[in-house]
PDB file of N, CA and C in Angstrom:
ATOM      1  N   UNK A   1      36.423 -29.089 -31.909  1.00  0.00           N
ATOM      2  CA  UNK A   1      37.574 -28.421 -32.539  1.00  0.00           C
ATOM      3  C   UNK A   1      37.040 -27.723 -33.620  1.00  0.00           C
ATOM      4  N   UNK A   2      37.421 -26.635 -33.974  1.00  0.00           N
ATOM      5  CA  UNK A   2      37.164 -25.749 -35.149  1.00  0.00           C
ATOM      6  C   UNK A   2      37.718 -26.062 -36.316  1.00  0.00           C
ATOM      7  N   UNK A   3      37.195 -26.149 -37.589  1.00  0.00           N
ATOM      8  CA  UNK A   3      37.833 -26.357 -38.816  1.00  0.00           C
ATOM      9  C   UNK A   3      38.668 -25.082 -39.228  1.00  0.00           C
ATOM     10  N   UNK A   4      38.198 -23.932 -38.524  1.00  0.00           N
ATOM     11  CA  UNK A   4      39.093 -22.821 -39.080  1.00  0.00           C
ATOM     12  C   UNK A   4      40.267 -22.599 -38.574  1.00  0.00           C
ATOM     13  N   UNK A   5      40.816 -23.598 -37.641  1.00  0.00           N
ATOM     14  CA  UNK A   5      42.120 -23.331 -37.235  1.00  0.00           C
ATOM     15  C   UNK A   5      43.085 -23.746 -38.225  1.00  0.00           C
ATOM     16  N   UNK A   6      44.292 -23.175 -37.935  1.00  0.00           N
ATOM     17  CA  UNK A   6      45.385 -23.814 -38.791  1.00  0.00           C
ATOM     18  C   UNK A   6      45.885 -24.933 -38.488  1.00  0.00           C
ATOM     19  N   UNK A   7      46.131 -25.871 -39.427  1.00  0.00           N
ATOM     20  CA  UNK A   7      46.642 -27.406 -39.028  1.00  0.00           C
ATOM     21  C   UNK A   7      48.102 -27.209 -38.480  1.00  0.00           C
ATOM     22  N   UNK A   8      48.846 -26.051 -38.679  1.00  0.00           N
ATOM     23  CA  UNK A   8      50.058 -26.011 -37.905  1.00  0.00           C
ATOM     24  C   UNK A   8      49.699 -25.707 -36.439  1.00  0.00           C
ATOM     25  N   UNK A   9      48.738 -25.054 -36.050  1.00  0.00           N
ATOM     26  CA  UNK A   9      48.690 -24.658 -34.678  1.00  0.00           C
ATOM     27  C   UNK A   9      47.834 -25.901 -34.062  1.00  0.00           C
ATOM     28  N   UNK A  10      47.082 -26.684 -34.832  1.00  0.00           N
ATOM     29  CA  UNK A  10      46.665 -27.946 -34.221  1.00  0.00           C
ATOM     30  C   UNK A  10      47.698 -28.981 -33.869  1.00  0.00           C
ATOM     31  N   UNK A  11      48.772 -29.013 -34.748  1.00  0.00           N
ATOM     32  CA  UNK A  11      49.912 -29.872 -34.579  1.00  0.00           C
ATOM     33  C   UNK A  11      50.788 -29.432 -33.502  1.00  0.00           C
ATOM     34  N   UNK A  12      50.963 -28.019 -33.191  1.00  0.00           N
ATOM     35  CA  UNK A  12      51.631 -27.615 -32.138  1.00  0.00           C
ATOM     36  C   UNK A  12      51.083 -27.640 -30.761  1.00  0.00           C
ATOM     37  N   UNK A  13      49.516 -27.690 -30.946  1.00  0.00           N
ATOM     38  CA  UNK A  13      48.904 -27.932 -29.750  1.00  0.00           C
ATOM     39  C   UNK A  13      48.890 -29.531 -29.365  1.00  0.00           C
ATOM     40  N   UNK A  14      48.984 -30.396 -30.312  1.00  0.00           N
ATOM     41  CA  UNK A  14      49.055 -31.796 -30.069  1.00  0.00           C
ATOM     42  C   UNK A  14      50.427 -31.815 -29.514  1.00  0.00           C
ATOM     43  N   UNK A  15      51.374 -31.465 -30.022  1.00  0.00           N
ATOM     44  CA  UNK A  15      52.820 -31.698 -29.615  1.00  0.00           C
ATOM     45  C   UNK A  15      52.901 -31.074 -28.155  1.00  0.00           C
ATOM     46  N   UNK A  16      52.283 -30.189 -27.874  1.00  0.00           N
ATOM     47  CA  UNK A  16      52.366 -29.554 -26.365  1.00  0.00           C
ATOM     48  C   UNK A  16      51.757 -30.709 -25.517  1.00  0.00           C
ATOM     49  N   UNK A  17      50.481 -31.064 -25.868  1.00  0.00           N
ATOM     50  CA  UNK A  17      49.850 -32.117 -24.996  1.00  0.00           C
ATOM     51  C   UNK A  17      50.818 -33.359 -24.917  1.00  0.00           C
ATOM     52  N   UNK A  18      51.374 -33.733 -25.955  1.00  0.00           N
ATOM     53  CA  UNK A  18      52.349 -34.839 -26.084  1.00  0.00           C
ATOM     54  C   UNK A  18      53.321 -34.724 -25.158  1.00  0.00           C
ATOM     55  N   UNK A  19      54.035 -33.439 -25.084  1.00  0.00           N
ATOM     56  CA  UNK A  19      55.279 -33.190 -24.203  1.00  0.00           C
ATOM     57  C   UNK A  19      54.636 -33.243 -22.831  1.00  0.00           C
ATOM     58  N   UNK A  20      53.482 -32.714 -22.423  1.00  0.00           N
ATOM     59  CA  UNK A  20      52.964 -32.619 -21.120  1.00  0.00           C
ATOM     60  C   UNK A  20      52.741 -34.060 -20.508  1.00  0.00           C
ATOM     61  N   UNK A  21      52.235 -35.058 -21.486  1.00  0.00           N
ATOM     62  CA  UNK A  21      51.963 -36.619 -21.022  1.00  0.00           C
ATOM     63  C   UNK A  21      53.244 -37.107 -20.815  1.00  0.00           C
ATOM     64  N   UNK A  22      54.313 -36.941 -21.724  1.00  0.00           N
ATOM     65  CA  UNK A  22      55.730 -37.692 -21.541  1.00  0.00           C
ATOM     66  C   UNK A  22      56.202 -37.213 -20.164  1.00  0.00           C
ATOM     67  N   UNK A  23      56.145 -35.908 -20.070  1.00  0.00           N
ATOM     68  CA  UNK A  23      56.699 -35.275 -18.811  1.00  0.00           C
ATOM     69  C   UNK A  23      56.147 -36.055 -17.521  1.00  0.00           C
ATOM     70  N   UNK A  24      54.901 -36.096 -17.539  1.00  0.00           N
ATOM     71  CA  UNK A  24      54.239 -36.821 -16.537  1.00  0.00           C
ATOM     72  C   UNK A  24      54.584 -38.372 -16.407  1.00  0.00           C
ATOM     73  N   UNK A  25      54.694 -38.917 -17.531  1.00  0.00           N
ATOM     74  CA  UNK A  25      55.118 -40.433 -17.633  1.00  0.00           C
ATOM     75  C   UNK A  25      56.573 -40.538 -16.972  1.00  0.00           C
ATOM     76  N   UNK A  26      57.468 -39.625 -17.457  1.00  0.00           N
ATOM     77  CA  UNK A  26      58.674 -39.422 -17.098  1.00  0.00           C
ATOM     78  C   UNK A  26      58.727 -39.428 -15.409  1.00  0.00           C
ATOM     79  N   UNK A  27      57.937 -38.523 -15.076  1.00  0.00           N
ATOM     80  CA  UNK A  27      58.039 -38.577 -13.556  1.00  0.00           C
ATOM     81  C   UNK A  27      57.505 -39.748 -12.812  1.00  0.00           C
ATOM     82  N   UNK A  28      56.400 -40.274 -13.341  1.00  0.00           N
ATOM     83  CA  UNK A  28      55.935 -41.612 -12.848  1.00  0.00           C
ATOM     84  C   UNK A  28      56.911 -42.661 -12.940  1.00  0.00           C
ATOM     85  N   UNK A  29      57.858 -42.751 -14.004  1.00  0.00           N
ATOM     86  CA  UNK A  29      58.795 -43.588 -13.930  1.00  0.00           C
ATOM     87  C   UNK A  29      59.994 -43.271 -12.900  1.00  0.00           C
ATOM     88  N   UNK A  30      60.259 -42.220 -12.611  1.00  0.00           N
ATOM     89  CA  UNK A  30      61.092 -41.779 -11.589  1.00  0.00           C
ATOM     90  C   UNK A  30      60.601 -42.231 -10.204  1.00  0.00           C
ATOM     91  N   UNK A  31      59.265 -42.140 -10.134  1.00  0.00           N
ATOM     92  CA  UNK A  31      58.677 -42.551  -8.808  1.00  0.00           C
ATOM     93  C   UNK A  31      58.799 -43.919  -8.641  1.00  0.00           C
ATOM     94  N   UNK A  32      58.362 -44.712  -9.767  1.00  0.00           N
ATOM     95  CA  UNK A  32      58.464 -46.139  -9.814  1.00  0.00           C
ATOM     96  C   UNK A  32      59.793 -46.700  -9.409  1.00  0.00           C
ATOM     97  N   UNK A  33      60.738 -46.316 -10.055  1.00  0.00           N
ATOM     98  CA  UNK A  33      62.278 -46.607  -9.778  1.00  0.00           C
ATOM     99  C   UNK A  33      62.403 -46.417  -8.164  1.00  0.00           C
ATOM    100  N   UNK A  34      62.056 -45.354  -7.618  1.00  0.00           N
ATOM    101  CA  UNK A  34      62.409 -45.076  -6.255  1.00  0.00           C
ATOM    102  C   UNK A  34      61.708 -46.060  -5.365  1.00  0.00           C
ATOM    103  N   UNK A  35      60.178 -46.553  -5.975  1.00  0.00           N
ATOM    104  CA  UNK A  35      59.628 -47.529  -5.172  1.00  0.00           C
ATOM    105  C   UNK A  35      60.243 -49.044  -5.300  1.00  0.00           C
ATOM    106  N   UNK A  36      60.961 -49.100  -6.379  1.00  0.00           N
ATOM    107  CA  UNK A  36      61.429 -50.538  -6.707  1.00  0.00           C
ATOM    108  C   UNK A  36      62.761 -50.739  -5.945  1.00  0.00           C
ATOM    109  N   UNK A  37      63.338 -49.406  -5.844  1.00  0.00           N
ATOM    110  CA  UNK A  37      64.669 -49.551  -4.923  1.00  0.00           C
ATOM    111  C   UNK A  37      64.241 -49.763  -3.604  1.00  0.00           C
ATOM    112  N   UNK A  38      63.235 -49.224  -3.000  1.00  0.00           N
ATOM    113  CA  UNK A  38      62.805 -49.415  -1.709  1.00  0.00           C
ATOM    114  C   UNK A  38      62.338 -50.600  -1.618  1.00  0.00           C
ATOM    115  N   UNK A  39      61.677 -51.355  -2.448  1.00  0.00           N
ATOM    116  CA  UNK A  39      61.010 -52.751  -2.370  1.00  0.00           C
ATOM    117  C   UNK A  39      62.059 -53.595  -2.313  1.00  0.00           C
ATOM    118  N   UNK A  40      63.409 -53.349  -2.978  1.00  0.00           N
ATOM    119  CA  UNK A  40      64.553 -54.334  -3.139  1.00  0.00           C
ATOM    120  C   UNK A  40      65.190 -54.219  -1.684  1.00  0.00           C
ATOM    121  N   UNK A  41      65.402 -53.013  -1.105  1.00  0.00           N
ATOM    122  CA  UNK A  41      66.052 -52.841   0.198  1.00  0.00           C
ATOM    123  C   UNK A  41      65.077 -53.674   1.326  1.00  0.00           C
ATOM    124  N   UNK A  42      63.900 -53.409   1.281  1.00  0.00           N
ATOM    125  CA  UNK A  42      63.235 -54.242   2.117  1.00  0.00           C
ATOM    126  C   UNK A  42      63.097 -55.603   1.973  1.00  0.00           C
ATOM    127  N   UNK A  43      63.304 -56.110   0.850  1.00  0.00           N
ATOM    128  CA  UNK A  43      63.405 -57.481   0.411  1.00  0.00           C
ATOM    129  C   UNK A  43      64.395 -58.156   1.128  1.00  0.00           C
ATOM    130  N   UNK A  44      65.802 -57.408   0.958  1.00  0.00           N
ATOM    131  CA  UNK A  44      67.083 -57.861   1.649  1.00  0.00           C
ATOM    132  C   UNK A  44      66.935 -57.708   3.015  1.00  0.00           C
ATOM    133  N   UNK A  45      66.491 -56.589   3.623  1.00  0.00           N
ATOM    134  CA  UNK A  45      66.149 -56.812   5.186  1.00  0.00           C
ATOM    135  C   UNK A  45      65.135 -57.904   5.675  1.00  0.00           C
ATOM    136  N   UNK A  46      64.283 -58.108   4.772  1.00  0.00           N
ATOM    137  CA  UNK A  46      63.239 -59.424   4.994  1.00  0.00           C
ATOM    138  C   UNK A  46      64.019 -60.673   5.074  1.00  0.00           C
ATOM    139  N   UNK A  47      65.039 -60.795   4.131  1.00  0.00           N
ATOM    140  CA  UNK A  47      65.787 -62.074   3.823  1.00  0.00           C
ATOM    141  C   UNK A  47      66.737 -62.124   5.268  1.00  0.00           C
ATOM    142  N   UNK A  48      67.366 -61.037   5.705  1.00  0.00           N
ATOM    143  CA  UNK A  48      68.191 -61.279   6.697  1.00  0.00           C
ATOM    144  C   UNK A  48      67.407 -61.595   7.996  1.00  0.00           C
ATOM    145  N   UNK A  49      66.181 -60.855   8.058  1.00  0.00           N
ATOM    146  CA  UNK A  49      65.445 -61.195   9.341  1.00  0.00           C
ATOM    147  C   UNK A  49      64.957 -62.643   9.515  1.00  0.00           C
ATOM    148  N   UNK A  50      64.449 -63.001   8.032  1.00  0.00           N
ATOM    149  CA  UNK A  50      64.178 -64.531   8.073  1.00  0.00           C
ATOM    150  C   UNK A  50      65.310 -65.425   8.464  1.00  0.00           C
ATOM    151  N   UNK A  51      66.195 -65.341   7.950  1.00  0.00           N
ATOM    152  CA  UNK A  51      67.624 -66.085   8.329  1.00  0.00           C
ATOM    153  C   UNK A  51      67.748 -66.118   9.789  1.00  0.00           C
ATOM    154  N   UNK A  52      67.871 -64.825  10.377  1.00  0.00           N
ATOM    155  CA  UNK A  52      67.851 -64.908  11.944  1.00  0.00           C
ATOM    156  C   UNK A  52      66.778 -65.424  12.606  1.00  0.00           C
ATOM    157  N   UNK A  53      65.515 -65.313  12.283  1.00  0.00           N
ATOM    158  CA  UNK A  53      64.470 -66.344  12.849  1.00  0.00           C
ATOM    159  C   UNK A  53      64.754 -67.640  12.689  1.00  0.00           C
ATOM    160  N   UNK A  54      64.967 -67.983  11.574  1.00  0.00           N
ATOM    161  CA  UNK A  54      65.290 -69.392  11.241  1.00  0.00           C
ATOM    162  C   UNK A  54      66.445 -70.002  12.231  1.00  0.00           C
ATOM    163  N   UNK A  55      67.379 -69.224  12.124  1.00  0.00           N
ATOM    164  CA  UNK A  55      68.586 -69.731  13.063  1.00  0.00           C
ATOM    165  C   UNK A  55      68.034 -69.735  14.741  1.00  0.00           C
ATOM    166  N   UNK A  56      67.398 -68.705  15.078  1.00  0.00           N
ATOM    167  CA  UNK A  56      66.823 -68.878  16.395  1.00  0.00           C
ATOM    168  C   UNK A  56      65.853 -70.187  16.525  1.00  0.00           C
ATOM    169  N   UNK A  57      65.087 -70.385  15.413  1.00  0.00           N
ATOM    170  CA  UNK A  57      64.170 -71.549  15.718  1.00  0.00           C
ATOM    171  C   UNK A  57      64.964 -72.655  15.703  1.00  0.00           C
ATOM    172  N   UNK A  58      66.063 -72.867  14.996  1.00  0.00           N
ATOM    173  CA  UNK A  58      66.878 -74.229  14.918  1.00  0.00           C
ATOM    174  C   UNK A  58      67.525 -74.350  16.282  1.00  0.00           C
ATOM    175  N   UNK A  59      67.921 -73.202  16.876  1.00  0.00           N
ATOM    176  CA  UNK A  59      68.631 -73.230  18.134  1.00  0.00           C
ATOM    177  C   UNK A  59      67.501 -73.837  19.145  1.00  0.00           C
ATOM    178  N   UNK A  60      66.473 -73.119  19.343  1.00  0.00           N
ATOM    179  CA  UNK A  60      65.426 -73.489  20.209  1.00  0.00           C
ATOM    180  C   UNK A  60      65.145 -75.073  20.082  1.00  0.00           C
ATOM    181  N   UNK A  61      64.809 -75.412  18.823  1.00  0.00           N
ATOM    182  CA  UNK A  61      64.568 -76.654  18.323  1.00  0.00           C
ATOM    183  C   UNK A  61      65.521 -77.765  19.038  1.00  0.00           C
ATOM    184  N   UNK A  62      66.963 -77.258  18.562  1.00  0.00           N
ATOM    185  CA  UNK A  62      67.942 -78.204  18.928  1.00  0.00           C
ATOM    186  C   UNK A  62      67.993 -78.465  20.516  1.00  0.00           C
ATOM    187  N   UNK A  63      67.757 -77.514  21.096  1.00  0.00           N
ATOM    188  CA  UNK A  63      67.658 -77.413  22.613  1.00  0.00           C
ATOM    189  C   UNK A  63      66.469 -78.451  23.225  1.00  0.00           C
ATOM    190  N   UNK A  64      65.585 -78.222  22.467  1.00  0.00           N
ATOM    191  CA  UNK A  64      64.221 -79.108  22.713  1.00  0.00           C
ATOM    192  C   UNK A  64      64.541 -80.648  22.568  1.00  0.00           C
ATOM    193  N   UNK A  65      65.428 -80.905  21.507  1.00  0.00           N
ATOM    194  CA  UNK A  65      65.538 -82.150  21.081  1.00  0.00           C
ATOM    195  C   UNK A  65      66.564 -82.689  22.041  1.00  0.00           C
ATOM    196  N   UNK A  66      67.565 -81.951  22.610  1.00  0.00           N
ATOM    197  CA  UNK A  66      68.513 -82.445  23.727  1.00  0.00           C
ATOM    198  C   UNK A  66      67.985 -82.767  24.945  1.00  0.00           C
ATOM    199  N   UNK A  67      66.735 -82.210  25.253  1.00  0.00           N
ATOM    200  CA  UNK A  67      66.264 -82.465  26.696  1.00  0.00           C
ATOM    201  C   UNK A  67      66.220 -83.878  26.957  1.00  0.00           C
ATOM    202  N   UNK A  68      65.760 -84.987  26.271  1.00  0.00           N
ATOM    203  CA  UNK A  68      65.824 -86.374  26.742  1.00  0.00           C
ATOM    204  C   UNK A  68      67.392 -86.728  27.020  1.00  0.00           C
ATOM    205  N   UNK A  69      68.226 -86.253  26.116  1.00  0.00           N
ATOM    206  CA  UNK A  69      69.704 -86.706  26.361  1.00  0.00           C
ATOM    207  C   UNK A  69      70.155 -86.113  27.671  1.00  0.00           C
ATOM    208  N   UNK A  70      69.685 -84.742  27.783  1.00  0.00           N
ATOM    209  CA  UNK A  70      70.098 -84.395  29.348  1.00  0.00           C
ATOM    210  C   UNK A  70      69.404 -84.934  30.266  1.00  0.00           C
ATOM    211  N   UNK A  71      68.139 -85.365  30.140  1.00  0.00           N
ATOM    212  CA  UNK A  71      67.396 -86.173  31.283  1.00  0.00           C
ATOM    213  C   UNK A  71      68.125 -87.315  31.429  1.00  0.00           C
ATOM    214  N   UNK A  72      68.584 -88.188  30.402  1.00  0.00           N
ATOM    215  CA  UNK A  72      69.037 -89.247  30.690  1.00  0.00           C
ATOM    216  C   UNK A  72      70.259 -89.244  31.108  1.00  0.00           C
ATOM    217  N   UNK A  73      71.100 -88.270  31.010  1.00  0.00           N
ATOM    218  CA  UNK A  73      72.394 -88.012  31.464  1.00  0.00           C
ATOM    219  C   UNK A  73      72.321 -87.692  33.106  1.00  0.00           C
ATOM    220  N   UNK A  74      71.314 -86.855  33.319  1.00  0.00           N
ATOM    221  CA  UNK A  74      70.923 -86.531  34.914  1.00  0.00           C
ATOM    222  C   UNK A  74      70.711 -87.927  35.488  1.00  0.00           C
ATOM    223  N   UNK A  75      70.067 -88.704  34.989  1.00  0.00           N
ATOM    224  CA  UNK A  75      69.433 -89.860  35.554  1.00  0.00           C
ATOM    225  C   UNK A  75      70.645 -90.785  35.822  1.00  0.00           C
ATOM    226  N   UNK A  76      71.760 -90.951  34.694  1.00  0.00           N
ATOM    227  CA  UNK A  76      72.803 -91.787  34.976  1.00  0.00           C
ATOM    228  C   UNK A  76      73.811 -91.223  36.046  1.00  0.00           C
ATOM    229  N   UNK A  77      73.765 -89.850  35.957  1.00  0.00           N
ATOM    230  CA  UNK A  77      74.583 -89.205  37.327  1.00  0.00           C
ATOM    231  C   UNK A  77      74.022 -89.530  38.587  1.00  0.00           C
ATOM    232  N   UNK A  78      72.800 -89.638  38.523  1.00  0.00           N
ATOM    233  CA  UNK A  78      71.905 -89.779  39.968  1.00  0.00           C
ATOM    234  C   UNK A  78      72.266 -91.444  40.266  1.00  0.00           C
ATOM    235  N   UNK A  79      72.140 -92.199  39.324  1.00  0.00           N
ATOM    236  CA  UNK A  79      72.446 -93.539  39.644  1.00  0.00           C
ATOM    237  C   UNK A  79      73.985 -93.747  39.653  1.00  0.00           C
ATOM    238  N   UNK A  80      74.723 -93.179  39.420  1.00  0.00           N
ATOM    239  CA  UNK A  80      76.243 -93.090  39.649  1.00  0.00           C
ATOM    240  C   UNK A  80      76.437 -92.935  41.225  1.00  0.00           C
ATOM    241  N   UNK A  81      75.910 -91.657  41.493  1.00  0.00           N
ATOM    242  CA  UNK A  81      75.973 -91.070  42.717  1.00  0.00           C
ATOM    243  C   UNK A  81      75.495 -92.001  43.771  1.00  0.00           C
ATOM    244  N   UNK A  82      74.555 -92.551  43.510  1.00  0.00           N
ATOM    245  CA  UNK A  82      73.920 -93.481  44.716  1.00  0.00           C
ATOM    246  C   UNK A  82      74.386 -94.747  44.748  1.00  0.00           C
ATOM    247  N   UNK A  83      75.294 -95.096  43.638  1.00  0.00           N
ATOM    248  CA  UNK A  83      76.003 -96.366  43.872  1.00  0.00           C
ATOM    249  C   UNK A  83      77.260 -96.101  44.700  1.00  0.00           C
TER     250      UNK A  83
END
């Protein structure tokens, strides 16, 4: 930087640099906002998917837990038919 430059010109140059950086920062904040909205949407969809998976797991587990009861009932039916 030269000392022969006018202080007013230096100040103007600094303000121009600041305006450019603020513009870039503003664009980055807009991009970040879009990414946060997308992450929130994905989070909601993941929550729904997890709830669906949990319900499927519980239904399959309930069927597995019911197998001994069904086997016992089938055995009881066989005994009743044979009598």
